[in-house]
Amino acid sequence: MTPQEIARIQRYLRQTFDNNRITLRRRDNTSDSVEVLVGDEFIGVIYRDEDEGELSYAFNMAILEMDLPELE
């Protein structure tokens, strides 16, 4: 991903989730995805997909069962 793409996606996520602590960071050894962090905490990966001239981005976030709060 280009620096311009990363900046646009980061701005979109910050506006959408009303959270300026969201940052995107390049991943080592790959150029088709970036890491998503909230503060210092890694929360997922965004993948770039270009197919037949259509460009999209997919956000993948894994949620571990052990991180979920208990229901009251």
Protein backbone atom coordinates (compact mmCIF):
# COMPACT_ATOMS: atom_id res chain seq x y z
CA MET A 1 0.00 0.00 0.00
CA THR A 2 1.18 3.48 -0.72
CA PRO A 3 1.61 6.05 2.05
CA GLN A 4 -1.35 7.95 0.55
CA GLU A 5 -3.60 4.87 0.75
CA ILE A 6 -2.57 4.23 4.32
CA ALA A 7 -3.28 7.84 5.30
CA ARG A 8 -6.72 7.78 3.63
CA ILE A 9 -7.72 4.52 5.30
CA GLN A 10 -6.47 5.72 8.68
CA ARG A 11 -8.46 8.95 8.34
CA TYR A 12 -11.55 6.94 7.35
CA LEU A 13 -11.24 4.63 10.38
CA ARG A 14 -10.64 7.52 12.78
CA GLN A 15 -13.70 9.37 11.50
CA THR A 16 -15.92 6.29 11.32
CA PHE A 17 -15.11 5.10 14.84
CA ASP A 18 -14.58 8.59 16.29
CA ASN A 19 -11.20 7.49 17.65
CA ASN A 20 -7.97 9.35 16.89
CA ARG A 21 -5.94 6.65 18.67
CA ILE A 22 -6.33 4.35 15.63
CA THR A 23 -3.10 4.05 13.66
CA LEU A 24 -1.99 1.95 10.72
CA ARG A 25 1.51 0.51 10.50
CA ARG A 26 3.26 -1.16 7.59
CA ARG A 27 3.93 -4.88 7.99
CA ASP A 28 7.35 -6.44 7.44
CA ASN A 29 7.91 -8.37 4.19
CA THR A 30 4.54 -7.52 2.59
CA SER A 31 3.13 -4.53 0.75
CA ASP A 32 -0.53 -5.59 0.41
CA SER A 33 -1.57 -5.09 4.05
CA VAL A 34 -1.11 -2.97 7.16
CA GLU A 35 -1.53 -3.56 10.89
CA VAL A 36 -4.28 -1.72 12.77
CA LEU A 37 -3.57 -0.51 16.28
CA VAL A 38 -5.55 1.34 18.93
CA GLY A 39 -2.91 3.06 20.98
CA ASP A 40 -0.22 0.42 21.39
CA GLU A 41 -2.60 -2.54 21.09
CA PHE A 42 -2.68 -4.54 17.85
CA ILE A 43 -6.31 -5.23 16.86
CA GLY A 44 -6.18 -6.48 13.27
CA VAL A 45 -4.97 -6.30 9.69
CA ILE A 46 -6.28 -4.49 6.62
CA TYR A 47 -5.67 -6.22 3.28
CA ARG A 48 -5.66 -4.48 -0.10
CA ASP A 49 -7.52 -6.32 -2.87
CA GLU A 50 -7.57 -5.30 -6.51
CA ASP A 51 -9.67 -7.47 -8.81
CA GLU A 52 -10.69 -6.62 -12.38
CA GLY A 53 -9.97 -2.93 -11.81
CA GLU A 54 -12.02 -2.78 -8.59
CA LEU A 55 -10.09 -1.77 -5.47
CA SER A 56 -11.22 -2.65 -1.95
CA TYR A 57 -9.81 -3.08 1.53
CA ALA A 58 -10.75 -5.84 3.98
CA PHE A 59 -10.36 -5.37 7.73
CA ASN A 60 -9.74 -8.64 9.59
CA MET A 61 -10.01 -8.58 13.39
CA ALA A 62 -9.73 -11.69 15.53
CA ILE A 63 -11.42 -11.62 18.95
CA LEU A 64 -10.19 -14.19 21.42
CA GLU A 65 -12.83 -15.73 23.66
CA MET A 66 -10.60 -15.18 26.67
CA ASP A 67 -10.69 -11.40 26.02
CA LEU A 68 -14.48 -11.18 26.10
CA PRO A 69 -16.15 -9.88 29.26
CA GLU A 70 -18.44 -12.14 31.24
CA LEU A 71 -22.19 -11.54 30.92
CA GLU A 72 -23.92 -10.41 34.05
